[in-house]
Full PDB file with SEQRES, HELIX, SHEET, SSBOND, CRYST1, ORIGX, SCALE, CONECT and MASTER records, all heavy atoms in Angstrom:
SEQRES   1 A   35  ALA PHE GLY VAL PHE LEU PHE ARG LYS PHE LYS GLN ARG          
SEQRES   2 A   35  TYR ASN ARG TYR TYR GLY ALA ASP GLU GLY GLU TYR GLU          
SEQRES   3 A   35  ASN THR GLU PHE SER GLN GLU GLU TYR                          
HELIX    1 AA1 PHE A    2  TYR A   14  1                                  13    
HELIX    2 AA2 ASN A   15  GLY A   19  3                                   5    
HELIX    3 AA3 ALA A   20  GLU A   22  1                                   3    
CRYST1    1.000    1.000    1.000  90.00  90.00  90.00 P 1           1          
ORIGX1      1.000000  0.000000  0.000000        0.00000                         
ORIGX2      0.000000  1.000000  0.000000        0.00000                         
ORIGX3      0.000000  0.000000  1.000000        0.00000                         
SCALE1      1.000000  0.000000  0.000000        0.00000                         
SCALE2      0.000000  1.000000  0.000000        0.00000                         
SCALE3      0.000000  0.000000  1.000000        0.00000                         
ATOM      1  N   ALA A   1      11.682   2.008  12.133  1.00  0.00           N  
ATOM      2  CA  ALA A   1      11.095   2.945  11.174  1.00  0.00           C  
ATOM      3  C   ALA A   1      10.682   2.222   9.895  1.00  0.00           C  
ATOM      4  O   ALA A   1       9.584   2.446   9.368  1.00  0.00           O  
ATOM      5  CB  ALA A   1      12.088   4.067  10.856  1.00  0.00           C  
ATOM      6  N   PHE A   2      11.548   1.346   9.387  1.00  0.00           N  
ATOM      7  CA  PHE A   2      11.196   0.574   8.191  1.00  0.00           C  
ATOM      8  C   PHE A   2      10.013  -0.348   8.476  1.00  0.00           C  
ATOM      9  O   PHE A   2       9.128  -0.520   7.626  1.00  0.00           O  
ATOM     10  CB  PHE A   2      12.400  -0.237   7.712  1.00  0.00           C  
ATOM     11  CG  PHE A   2      13.342   0.535   6.846  1.00  0.00           C  
ATOM     12  CD1 PHE A   2      14.526   1.045   7.371  1.00  0.00           C  
ATOM     13  CD2 PHE A   2      13.064   0.756   5.510  1.00  0.00           C  
ATOM     14  CE1 PHE A   2      15.414   1.764   6.575  1.00  0.00           C  
ATOM     15  CE2 PHE A   2      13.936   1.479   4.704  1.00  0.00           C  
ATOM     16  CZ  PHE A   2      15.105   1.984   5.236  1.00  0.00           C  
ATOM     17  N   GLY A   3      10.002  -0.957   9.672  1.00  0.00           N  
ATOM     18  CA  GLY A   3       8.900  -1.838  10.024  1.00  0.00           C  
ATOM     19  C   GLY A   3       7.576  -1.103  10.102  1.00  0.00           C  
ATOM     20  O   GLY A   3       6.542  -1.586   9.599  1.00  0.00           O  
ATOM     21  N   VAL A   4       7.585   0.082  10.734  1.00  0.00           N  
ATOM     22  CA  VAL A   4       6.362   0.884  10.825  1.00  0.00           C  
ATOM     23  C   VAL A   4       5.904   1.307   9.431  1.00  0.00           C  
ATOM     24  O   VAL A   4       4.704   1.270   9.106  1.00  0.00           O  
ATOM     25  CB  VAL A   4       6.595   2.112  11.725  1.00  0.00           C  
ATOM     26  CG1 VAL A   4       5.417   3.071  11.653  1.00  0.00           C  
ATOM     27  CG2 VAL A   4       6.837   1.677  13.161  1.00  0.00           C  
ATOM     28  N   PHE A   5       6.851   1.700   8.585  1.00  0.00           N  
ATOM     29  CA  PHE A   5       6.522   2.107   7.215  1.00  0.00           C  
ATOM     30  C   PHE A   5       5.834   0.967   6.452  1.00  0.00           C  
ATOM     31  O   PHE A   5       4.773   1.151   5.840  1.00  0.00           O  
ATOM     32  CB  PHE A   5       7.788   2.545   6.495  1.00  0.00           C  
ATOM     33  CG  PHE A   5       7.606   2.775   5.022  1.00  0.00           C  
ATOM     34  CD1 PHE A   5       6.950   3.904   4.560  1.00  0.00           C  
ATOM     35  CD2 PHE A   5       8.088   1.864   4.097  1.00  0.00           C  
ATOM     36  CE1 PHE A   5       6.771   4.118   3.200  1.00  0.00           C  
ATOM     37  CE2 PHE A   5       7.913   2.069   2.741  1.00  0.00           C  
ATOM     38  CZ  PHE A   5       7.255   3.199   2.295  1.00  0.00           C  
ATOM     39  N   LEU A   6       6.438  -0.233   6.504  1.00  0.00           N  
ATOM     40  CA  LEU A   6       5.867  -1.369   5.774  1.00  0.00           C  
ATOM     41  C   LEU A   6       4.509  -1.781   6.345  1.00  0.00           C  
ATOM     42  O   LEU A   6       3.583  -2.112   5.597  1.00  0.00           O  
ATOM     43  CB  LEU A   6       6.842  -2.551   5.811  1.00  0.00           C  
ATOM     44  CG  LEU A   6       8.162  -2.353   5.058  1.00  0.00           C  
ATOM     45  CD1 LEU A   6       9.091  -3.545   5.288  1.00  0.00           C  
ATOM     46  CD2 LEU A   6       7.906  -2.163   3.571  1.00  0.00           C  
ATOM     47  N   PHE A   7       4.393  -1.740   7.688  1.00  0.00           N  
ATOM     48  CA  PHE A   7       3.128  -2.138   8.293  1.00  0.00           C  
ATOM     49  C   PHE A   7       2.010  -1.153   7.958  1.00  0.00           C  
ATOM     50  O   PHE A   7       0.860  -1.546   7.736  1.00  0.00           O  
ATOM     51  CB  PHE A   7       3.280  -2.265   9.804  1.00  0.00           C  
ATOM     52  CG  PHE A   7       2.052  -2.788  10.499  1.00  0.00           C  
ATOM     53  CD1 PHE A   7       1.497  -4.006  10.136  1.00  0.00           C  
ATOM     54  CD2 PHE A   7       1.436  -2.055  11.503  1.00  0.00           C  
ATOM     55  CE1 PHE A   7       0.354  -4.488  10.764  1.00  0.00           C  
ATOM     56  CE2 PHE A   7       0.303  -2.527  12.133  1.00  0.00           C  
ATOM     57  CZ  PHE A   7      -0.238  -3.749  11.763  1.00  0.00           C  
ATOM     58  N   ARG A   8       2.329   0.136   7.880  1.00  0.00           N  
ATOM     59  CA  ARG A   8       1.291   1.107   7.535  1.00  0.00           C  
ATOM     60  C   ARG A   8       0.911   0.996   6.056  1.00  0.00           C  
ATOM     61  O   ARG A   8      -0.244   1.230   5.695  1.00  0.00           O  
ATOM     62  CB  ARG A   8       1.758   2.515   7.889  1.00  0.00           C  
ATOM     63  CG  ARG A   8       1.874   2.698   9.389  1.00  0.00           C  
ATOM     64  CD  ARG A   8       1.899   4.128   9.833  1.00  0.00           C  
ATOM     65  NE  ARG A   8       1.931   4.185  11.289  1.00  0.00           N  
ATOM     66  CZ  ARG A   8       1.924   5.310  11.990  1.00  0.00           C  
ATOM     67  NH1 ARG A   8       1.878   6.461  11.369  1.00  0.00           N  
ATOM     68  NH2 ARG A   8       1.964   5.272  13.304  1.00  0.00           N  
ATOM     69  N   LYS A   9       1.870   0.620   5.215  1.00  0.00           N  
ATOM     70  CA  LYS A   9       1.521   0.346   3.825  1.00  0.00           C  
ATOM     71  C   LYS A   9       0.607  -0.879   3.739  1.00  0.00           C  
ATOM     72  O   LYS A   9      -0.322  -0.933   2.929  1.00  0.00           O  
ATOM     73  CB  LYS A   9       2.789   0.126   2.993  1.00  0.00           C  
ATOM     74  CG  LYS A   9       3.572   1.394   2.742  1.00  0.00           C  
ATOM     75  CD  LYS A   9       2.730   2.403   1.977  1.00  0.00           C  
ATOM     76  CE  LYS A   9       3.440   3.728   1.791  1.00  0.00           C  
ATOM     77  NZ  LYS A   9       2.577   4.735   1.116  1.00  0.00           N  
ATOM     78  N   PHE A  10       0.910  -1.881   4.572  1.00  0.00           N  
ATOM     79  CA  PHE A  10       0.045  -3.059   4.632  1.00  0.00           C  
ATOM     80  C   PHE A  10      -1.358  -2.667   5.083  1.00  0.00           C  
ATOM     81  O   PHE A  10      -2.355  -3.136   4.510  1.00  0.00           O  
ATOM     82  CB  PHE A  10       0.638  -4.088   5.597  1.00  0.00           C  
ATOM     83  CG  PHE A  10      -0.332  -5.173   5.992  1.00  0.00           C  
ATOM     84  CD1 PHE A  10      -0.562  -6.260   5.160  1.00  0.00           C  
ATOM     85  CD2 PHE A  10      -1.018  -5.100   7.194  1.00  0.00           C  
ATOM     86  CE1 PHE A  10      -1.466  -7.250   5.524  1.00  0.00           C  
ATOM     87  CE2 PHE A  10      -1.919  -6.090   7.572  1.00  0.00           C  
ATOM     88  CZ  PHE A  10      -2.142  -7.174   6.718  1.00  0.00           C  
ATOM     89  N   LYS A  11      -1.466  -1.793   6.092  1.00  0.00           N  
ATOM     90  CA  LYS A  11      -2.779  -1.373   6.583  1.00  0.00           C  
ATOM     91  C   LYS A  11      -3.548  -0.598   5.516  1.00  0.00           C  
ATOM     92  O   LYS A  11      -4.763  -0.770   5.365  1.00  0.00           O  
ATOM     93  CB  LYS A  11      -2.616  -0.526   7.856  1.00  0.00           C  
ATOM     94  CG  LYS A  11      -2.126  -1.325   9.054  1.00  0.00           C  
ATOM     95  CD  LYS A  11      -2.302  -0.577  10.359  1.00  0.00           C  
ATOM     96  CE  LYS A  11      -1.396   0.589  10.492  1.00  0.00           C  
ATOM     97  NZ  LYS A  11      -1.488   1.222  11.832  1.00  0.00           N  
ATOM     98  N   GLN A  12      -2.845   0.254   4.766  1.00  0.00           N  
ATOM     99  CA  GLN A  12      -3.509   0.990   3.694  1.00  0.00           C  
ATOM    100  C   GLN A  12      -4.053   0.038   2.633  1.00  0.00           C  
ATOM    101  O   GLN A  12      -5.169   0.208   2.138  1.00  0.00           O  
ATOM    102  CB  GLN A  12      -2.530   1.983   3.058  1.00  0.00           C  
ATOM    103  CG  GLN A  12      -2.124   3.131   3.972  1.00  0.00           C  
ATOM    104  CD  GLN A  12      -1.036   3.994   3.366  1.00  0.00           C  
ATOM    105  OE1 GLN A  12      -0.694   3.850   2.192  1.00  0.00           O  
ATOM    106  NE2 GLN A  12      -0.471   4.888   4.169  1.00  0.00           N  
ATOM    107  N   ARG A  13      -3.242  -0.958   2.288  1.00  0.00           N  
ATOM    108  CA  ARG A  13      -3.675  -1.923   1.270  1.00  0.00           C  
ATOM    109  C   ARG A  13      -4.821  -2.785   1.798  1.00  0.00           C  
ATOM    110  O   ARG A  13      -5.766  -3.099   1.053  1.00  0.00           O  
ATOM    111  CB  ARG A  13      -2.489  -2.797   0.865  1.00  0.00           C  
ATOM    112  CG  ARG A  13      -2.708  -3.568  -0.422  1.00  0.00           C  
ATOM    113  CD  ARG A  13      -1.416  -4.182  -0.932  1.00  0.00           C  
ATOM    114  NE  ARG A  13      -1.628  -4.822  -2.217  1.00  0.00           N  
ATOM    115  CZ  ARG A  13      -1.596  -4.198  -3.389  1.00  0.00           C  
ATOM    116  NH1 ARG A  13      -1.362  -2.890  -3.438  1.00  0.00           N  
ATOM    117  NH2 ARG A  13      -1.794  -4.852  -4.528  1.00  0.00           N  
ATOM    118  N   TYR A  14      -4.765  -3.169   3.054  1.00  0.00           N  
ATOM    119  CA  TYR A  14      -5.854  -3.948   3.646  1.00  0.00           C  
ATOM    120  C   TYR A  14      -7.155  -3.156   3.631  1.00  0.00           C  
ATOM    121  O   TYR A  14      -8.217  -3.690   3.276  1.00  0.00           O  
ATOM    122  CB  TYR A  14      -5.486  -4.342   5.076  1.00  0.00           C  
ATOM    123  CG  TYR A  14      -6.553  -5.149   5.780  1.00  0.00           C  
ATOM    124  CD1 TYR A  14      -6.551  -6.541   5.722  1.00  0.00           C  
ATOM    125  CD2 TYR A  14      -7.575  -4.520   6.494  1.00  0.00           C  
ATOM    126  CE1 TYR A  14      -7.541  -7.282   6.354  1.00  0.00           C  
ATOM    127  CE2 TYR A  14      -8.570  -5.247   7.129  1.00  0.00           C  
ATOM    128  CZ  TYR A  14      -8.538  -6.633   7.060  1.00  0.00           C  
ATOM    129  OH  TYR A  14      -9.518  -7.365   7.680  1.00  0.00           O  
ATOM    130  N   ASN A  15      -7.089  -1.891   4.038  1.00  0.00           N  
ATOM    131  CA  ASN A  15      -8.294  -1.055   4.043  1.00  0.00           C  
ATOM    132  C   ASN A  15      -8.872  -0.901   2.643  1.00  0.00           C  
ATOM    133  O   ASN A  15     -10.089  -0.819   2.458  1.00  0.00           O  
ATOM    134  CB  ASN A  15      -7.981   0.319   4.626  1.00  0.00           C  
ATOM    135  CG  ASN A  15      -7.738   0.270   6.117  1.00  0.00           C  
ATOM    136  OD1 ASN A  15      -8.011  -0.731   6.773  1.00  0.00           O  
ATOM    137  ND2 ASN A  15      -7.196   1.349   6.670  1.00  0.00           N  
ATOM    138  N   ARG A  16      -7.982  -0.877   1.656  1.00  0.00           N  
ATOM    139  CA  ARG A  16      -8.430  -0.710   0.266  1.00  0.00           C  
ATOM    140  C   ARG A  16      -9.244  -1.907  -0.210  1.00  0.00           C  
ATOM    141  O   ARG A  16     -10.256  -1.735  -0.909  1.00  0.00           O  
ATOM    142  CB  ARG A  16      -7.211  -0.496  -0.629  1.00  0.00           C  
ATOM    143  CG  ARG A  16      -7.525  -0.384  -2.111  1.00  0.00           C  
ATOM    144  CD  ARG A  16      -6.231  -0.232  -2.893  1.00  0.00           C  
ATOM    145  NE  ARG A  16      -6.482  -0.279  -4.330  1.00  0.00           N  
ATOM    146  CZ  ARG A  16      -5.513  -0.274  -5.250  1.00  0.00           C  
ATOM    147  NH1 ARG A  16      -4.234  -0.206  -4.861  1.00  0.00           N  
ATOM    148  NH2 ARG A  16      -5.813  -0.336  -6.535  1.00  0.00           N  
ATOM    149  N   TYR A  17      -8.825  -3.122   0.181  1.00  0.00           N  
ATOM    150  CA  TYR A  17      -9.474  -4.325  -0.344  1.00  0.00           C  
ATOM    151  C   TYR A  17     -10.465  -4.956   0.638  1.00  0.00           C  
ATOM    152  O   TYR A  17     -11.394  -5.640   0.216  1.00  0.00           O  
ATOM    153  CB  TYR A  17      -8.415  -5.363  -0.736  1.00  0.00           C  
ATOM    154  CG  TYR A  17      -7.637  -4.987  -1.967  1.00  0.00           C  
ATOM    155  CD1 TYR A  17      -6.369  -4.420  -1.859  1.00  0.00           C  
ATOM    156  CD2 TYR A  17      -8.167  -5.178  -3.235  1.00  0.00           C  
ATOM    157  CE1 TYR A  17      -5.648  -4.066  -2.994  1.00  0.00           C  
ATOM    158  CE2 TYR A  17      -7.453  -4.832  -4.375  1.00  0.00           C  
ATOM    159  CZ  TYR A  17      -6.192  -4.272  -4.244  1.00  0.00           C  
ATOM    160  OH  TYR A  17      -5.490  -3.928  -5.367  1.00  0.00           O  
ATOM    161  N   TYR A  18     -10.265  -4.752   1.935  1.00  0.00           N  
ATOM    162  CA  TYR A  18     -11.106  -5.434   2.922  1.00  0.00           C  
ATOM    163  C   TYR A  18     -11.817  -4.486   3.881  1.00  0.00           C  
ATOM    164  O   TYR A  18     -12.703  -4.907   4.626  1.00  0.00           O  
ATOM    165  CB  TYR A  18     -10.258  -6.416   3.750  1.00  0.00           C  
ATOM    166  CG  TYR A  18      -9.759  -7.605   2.982  1.00  0.00           C  
ATOM    167  CD1 TYR A  18      -8.487  -7.608   2.426  1.00  0.00           C  
ATOM    168  CD2 TYR A  18     -10.548  -8.737   2.813  1.00  0.00           C  
ATOM    169  CE1 TYR A  18      -8.014  -8.698   1.720  1.00  0.00           C  
ATOM    170  CE2 TYR A  18     -10.083  -9.838   2.117  1.00  0.00           C  
ATOM    171  CZ  TYR A  18      -8.811  -9.815   1.563  1.00  0.00           C  
ATOM    172  OH  TYR A  18      -8.364 -10.905   0.871  1.00  0.00           O  
ATOM    173  N   GLY A  19     -11.390  -3.219   3.905  1.00  0.00           N  
ATOM    174  CA  GLY A  19     -11.910  -2.305   4.921  1.00  0.00           C  
ATOM    175  C   GLY A  19     -13.406  -2.119   4.890  1.00  0.00           C  
ATOM    176  O   GLY A  19     -14.057  -2.063   5.944  1.00  0.00           O  
ATOM    177  N   ALA A  20     -13.968  -1.995   3.712  1.00  0.00           N  
ATOM    178  CA  ALA A  20     -15.407  -1.727   3.608  1.00  0.00           C  
ATOM    179  C   ALA A  20     -16.248  -2.868   4.172  1.00  0.00           C  
ATOM    180  O   ALA A  20     -17.331  -2.632   4.720  1.00  0.00           O  
ATOM    181  CB  ALA A  20     -15.776  -1.476   2.145  1.00  0.00           C  
ATOM    182  N   ASP A  21     -15.753  -4.108   4.058  1.00  0.00           N  
ATOM    183  CA  ASP A  21     -16.528  -5.271   4.495  1.00  0.00           C  
ATOM    184  C   ASP A  21     -16.174  -5.733   5.905  1.00  0.00           C  
ATOM    185  O   ASP A  21     -17.058  -6.198   6.643  1.00  0.00           O  
ATOM    186  CB  ASP A  21     -16.325  -6.440   3.523  1.00  0.00           C  
ATOM    187  CG  ASP A  21     -16.819  -6.123   2.126  1.00  0.00           C  
ATOM    188  OD1 ASP A  21     -17.738  -5.280   2.012  1.00  0.00           O  
ATOM    189  OD2 ASP A  21     -16.274  -6.686   1.160  1.00  0.00           O  
ATOM    190  N   GLU A  22     -14.917  -5.642   6.291  1.00  0.00           N  
ATOM    191  CA  GLU A  22     -14.465  -6.270   7.538  1.00  0.00           C  
ATOM    192  C   GLU A  22     -13.841  -5.286   8.525  1.00  0.00           C  
ATOM    193  O   GLU A  22     -13.195  -5.694   9.488  1.00  0.00           O  
ATOM    194  CB  GLU A  22     -13.468  -7.385   7.210  1.00  0.00           C  
ATOM    195  CG  GLU A  22     -14.058  -8.450   6.280  1.00  0.00           C  
ATOM    196  CD  GLU A  22     -13.086  -9.577   5.993  1.00  0.00           C  
ATOM    197  OE1 GLU A  22     -12.124  -9.729   6.771  1.00  0.00           O  
ATOM    198  OE2 GLU A  22     -13.290 -10.314   5.025  1.00  0.00           O  
ATOM    199  N   GLY A  23     -13.990  -4.004   8.303  1.00  0.00           N  
ATOM    200  CA  GLY A  23     -13.460  -3.012   9.224  1.00  0.00           C  
ATOM    201  C   GLY A  23     -12.098  -2.500   8.791  1.00  0.00           C  
ATOM    202  O   GLY A  23     -11.334  -3.213   8.133  1.00  0.00           O  
ATOM    203  N   GLU A  24     -11.787  -1.244   9.157  1.00  0.00           N  
ATOM    204  CA  GLU A  24     -10.557  -0.607   8.706  1.00  0.00           C  
ATOM    205  C   GLU A  24      -9.554  -0.443   9.842  1.00  0.00           C  
ATOM    206  O   GLU A  24      -9.926  -0.275  11.005  1.00  0.00           O  
ATOM    207  CB  GLU A  24     -10.874   0.770   8.111  1.00  0.00           C  
ATOM    208  CG  GLU A  24     -11.664   0.718   6.822  1.00  0.00           C  
ATOM    209  CD  GLU A  24     -11.780   2.091   6.180  1.00  0.00           C  
ATOM    210  OE1 GLU A  24     -11.454   3.088   6.873  1.00  0.00           O  
ATOM    211  OE2 GLU A  24     -12.167   2.157   5.010  1.00  0.00           O  
ATOM    212  N   TYR A  25      -8.285  -0.503   9.464  1.00  0.00           N  
ATOM    213  CA  TYR A  25      -7.202  -0.172  10.389  1.00  0.00           C  
ATOM    214  C   TYR A  25      -7.200   1.327  10.654  1.00  0.00           C  
ATOM    215  O   TYR A  25      -7.562   2.137   9.794  1.00  0.00           O  
ATOM    216  CB  TYR A  25      -5.853  -0.549   9.782  1.00  0.00           C  
ATOM    217  CG  TYR A  25      -5.403  -1.974  10.020  1.00  0.00           C  
ATOM    218  CD1 TYR A  25      -5.359  -2.897   8.979  1.00  0.00           C  
ATOM    219  CD2 TYR A  25      -4.982  -2.378  11.273  1.00  0.00           C  
ATOM    220  CE1 TYR A  25      -4.923  -4.191   9.178  1.00  0.00           C  
ATOM    221  CE2 TYR A  25      -4.544  -3.672  11.498  1.00  0.00           C  
ATOM    222  CZ  TYR A  25      -4.512  -4.578  10.448  1.00  0.00           C  
ATOM    223  OH  TYR A  25      -4.081  -5.854  10.665  1.00  0.00           O  
ATOM    224  N   GLU A  26      -6.739   1.700  11.869  1.00  0.00           N  
ATOM    225  CA  GLU A  26      -6.518   3.105  12.189  1.00  0.00           C  
ATOM    226  C   GLU A  26      -5.032   3.427  11.994  1.00  0.00           C  
ATOM    227  O   GLU A  26      -4.202   2.548  11.849  1.00  0.00           O  
ATOM    228  CB  GLU A  26      -6.926   3.420  13.632  1.00  0.00           C  
ATOM    229  CG  GLU A  26      -8.367   3.077  13.978  1.00  0.00           C  
ATOM    230  CD  GLU A  26      -8.564   1.641  14.374  1.00  0.00           C  
ATOM    231  OE1 GLU A  26      -7.536   0.924  14.497  1.00  0.00           O  
ATOM    232  OE2 GLU A  26      -9.717   1.220  14.543  1.00  0.00           O  
ATOM    233  N   ASN A  27      -4.711   4.731  12.033  1.00  0.00           N  
ATOM    234  CA  ASN A  27      -3.324   5.222  11.946  1.00  0.00           C  
ATOM    235  C   ASN A  27      -2.598   4.613  10.746  1.00  0.00           C  
ATOM    236  O   ASN A  27      -1.617   3.891  10.872  1.00  0.00           O  
ATOM    237  CB  ASN A  27      -2.548   4.899  13.230  1.00  0.00           C  
ATOM    238  CG  ASN A  27      -3.126   5.572  14.443  1.00  0.00           C  
ATOM    239  OD1 ASN A  27      -3.674   6.663  14.363  1.00  0.00           O  
ATOM    240  ND2 ASN A  27      -3.012   4.915  15.597  1.00  0.00           N  
ATOM    241  N   THR A  28      -3.081   4.945   9.561  1.00  0.00           N  
ATOM    242  CA  THR A  28      -2.495   4.377   8.353  1.00  0.00           C  
ATOM    243  C   THR A  28      -1.523   5.330   7.654  1.00  0.00           C  
ATOM    244  O   THR A  28      -0.809   4.914   6.745  1.00  0.00           O  
ATOM    245  CB  THR A  28      -3.593   3.996   7.350  1.00  0.00           C  
ATOM    246  OG1 THR A  28      -4.351   5.158   7.011  1.00  0.00           O  
ATOM    247  CG2 THR A  28      -4.513   2.941   7.941  1.00  0.00           C  
ATOM    248  N   GLU A  29      -1.485   6.592   8.063  1.00  0.00           N  
ATOM    249  CA  GLU A  29      -0.615   7.553   7.403  1.00  0.00           C  
ATOM    250  C   GLU A  29       0.808   7.438   7.944  1.00  0.00           C  
ATOM    251  O   GLU A  29       1.016   7.173   9.124  1.00  0.00           O  
ATOM    252  CB  GLU A  29      -1.135   8.978   7.597  1.00  0.00           C  
ATOM    253  CG  GLU A  29      -2.479   9.228   6.948  1.00  0.00           C  
ATOM    254  CD  GLU A  29      -2.455   8.983   5.453  1.00  0.00           C  
ATOM    255  OE1 GLU A  29      -1.465   9.386   4.799  1.00  0.00           O  
ATOM    256  OE2 GLU A  29      -3.405   8.364   4.936  1.00  0.00           O  
ATOM    257  N   PHE A  30       1.770   7.652   7.062  1.00  0.00           N  
ATOM    258  CA  PHE A  30       3.180   7.591   7.456  1.00  0.00           C  
ATOM    259  C   PHE A  30       3.802   8.954   7.218  1.00  0.00           C  
ATOM    260  O   PHE A  30       4.038   9.372   6.081  1.00  0.00           O  
ATOM    261  CB  PHE A  30       3.912   6.524   6.640  1.00  0.00           C  
ATOM    262  CG  PHE A  30       5.332   6.298   7.098  1.00  0.00           C  
ATOM    263  CD1 PHE A  30       5.605   5.522   8.212  1.00  0.00           C  
ATOM    264  CD2 PHE A  30       6.401   6.864   6.421  1.00  0.00           C  
ATOM    265  CE1 PHE A  30       6.899   5.314   8.636  1.00  0.00           C  
ATOM    266  CE2 PHE A  30       7.700   6.665   6.839  1.00  0.00           C  
ATOM    267  CZ  PHE A  30       7.951   5.887   7.945  1.00  0.00           C  
ATOM    268  N   SER A  31       4.068   9.675   8.318  1.00  0.00           N  
ATOM    269  CA  SER A  31       4.681  10.998   8.236  1.00  0.00           C  
ATOM    270  C   SER A  31       5.373  11.288   9.555  1.00  0.00           C  
ATOM    271  O   SER A  31       5.206  10.567  10.539  1.00  0.00           O  
ATOM    272  CB  SER A  31       3.624  12.071   7.946  1.00  0.00           C  
ATOM    273  OG  SER A  31       2.688  12.141   9.011  1.00  0.00           O  
ATOM    274  N   GLN A  32       6.154  12.351   9.562  1.00  0.00           N  
ATOM    275  CA  GLN A  32       6.852  12.730  10.791  1.00  0.00           C  
ATOM    276  C   GLN A  32       5.873  13.060  11.904  1.00  0.00           C  
ATOM    277  O   GLN A  32       6.158  12.811  13.081  1.00  0.00           O  
ATOM    278  CB  GLN A  32       7.770  13.924  10.530  1.00  0.00           C  
ATOM    279  CG  GLN A  32       9.066  13.558   9.814  1.00  0.00           C  
ATOM    280  CD  GLN A  32      10.011  14.736   9.730  1.00  0.00           C  
ATOM    281  OE1 GLN A  32       9.925  15.560   8.827  1.00  0.00           O  
ATOM    282  NE2 GLN A  32      10.932  14.821  10.671  1.00  0.00           N  
ATOM    283  N   GLU A  33       4.742  13.625  11.547  1.00  0.00           N  
ATOM    284  CA  GLU A  33       3.764  13.989  12.568  1.00  0.00           C  
ATOM    285  C   GLU A  33       3.071  12.760  13.134  1.00  0.00           C  
ATOM    286  O   GLU A  33       2.784  12.683  14.336  1.00  0.00           O  
ATOM    287  CB  GLU A  33       2.720  14.948  11.983  1.00  0.00           C  
ATOM    288  CG  GLU A  33       3.262  16.322  11.605  1.00  0.00           C  
ATOM    289  CD  GLU A  33       4.077  16.309  10.324  1.00  0.00           C  
ATOM    290  OE1 GLU A  33       3.929  15.332   9.540  1.00  0.00           O  
ATOM    291  OE2 GLU A  33       4.873  17.233  10.112  1.00  0.00           O  
ATOM    292  N   GLU A  34       2.784  11.778  12.273  1.00  0.00           N  
ATOM    293  CA  GLU A  34       2.045  10.595  12.696  1.00  0.00           C  
ATOM    294  C   GLU A  34       2.941   9.505  13.266  1.00  0.00           C  
ATOM    295  O   GLU A  34       2.467   8.639  13.999  1.00  0.00           O  
ATOM    296  CB  GLU A  34       1.260  10.015  11.501  1.00  0.00           C  
ATOM    297  CG  GLU A  34       0.149  10.894  10.996  1.00  0.00           C  
ATOM    298  CD  GLU A  34      -0.999  10.994  11.982  1.00  0.00           C  
ATOM    299  OE1 GLU A  34      -1.205  10.039  12.751  1.00  0.00           O  
ATOM    300  OE2 GLU A  34      -1.680  12.040  12.000  1.00  0.00           O  
ATOM    301  N   TYR A  35       4.242   9.534  12.951  1.00  0.00           N  
ATOM    302  CA  TYR A  35       5.122   8.430  13.329  1.00  0.00           C  
ATOM    303  C   TYR A  35       5.162   8.168  14.835  1.00  0.00           C  
ATOM    304  O   TYR A  35       5.117   7.010  15.260  1.00  0.00           O  
ATOM    305  CB  TYR A  35       6.536   8.679  12.810  1.00  0.00           C  
ATOM    306  CG  TYR A  35       7.506   7.564  13.149  1.00  0.00           C  
ATOM    307  CD1 TYR A  35       7.504   6.373  12.435  1.00  0.00           C  
ATOM    308  CD2 TYR A  35       8.414   7.695  14.195  1.00  0.00           C  
ATOM    309  CE1 TYR A  35       8.379   5.346  12.731  1.00  0.00           C  
ATOM    310  CE2 TYR A  35       9.294   6.679  14.507  1.00  0.00           C  
ATOM    311  CZ  TYR A  35       9.269   5.510  13.767  1.00  0.00           C  
ATOM    312  OH  TYR A  35      10.133   4.495  14.084  1.00  0.00           O  
TER     313      TYR A  35                                                      
MASTER        0    0    0    3    0    0    0    6  312    1    0    3          
END                                                                             
């Protein structure tokens, strides 16, 4: 659970800085429904 949380935070940050130019990660939300 901690690993998934940190990795999705990493994906959100990656999309913020690199997503527009190099493509975005999917499944970036962290919630009970998405977990």
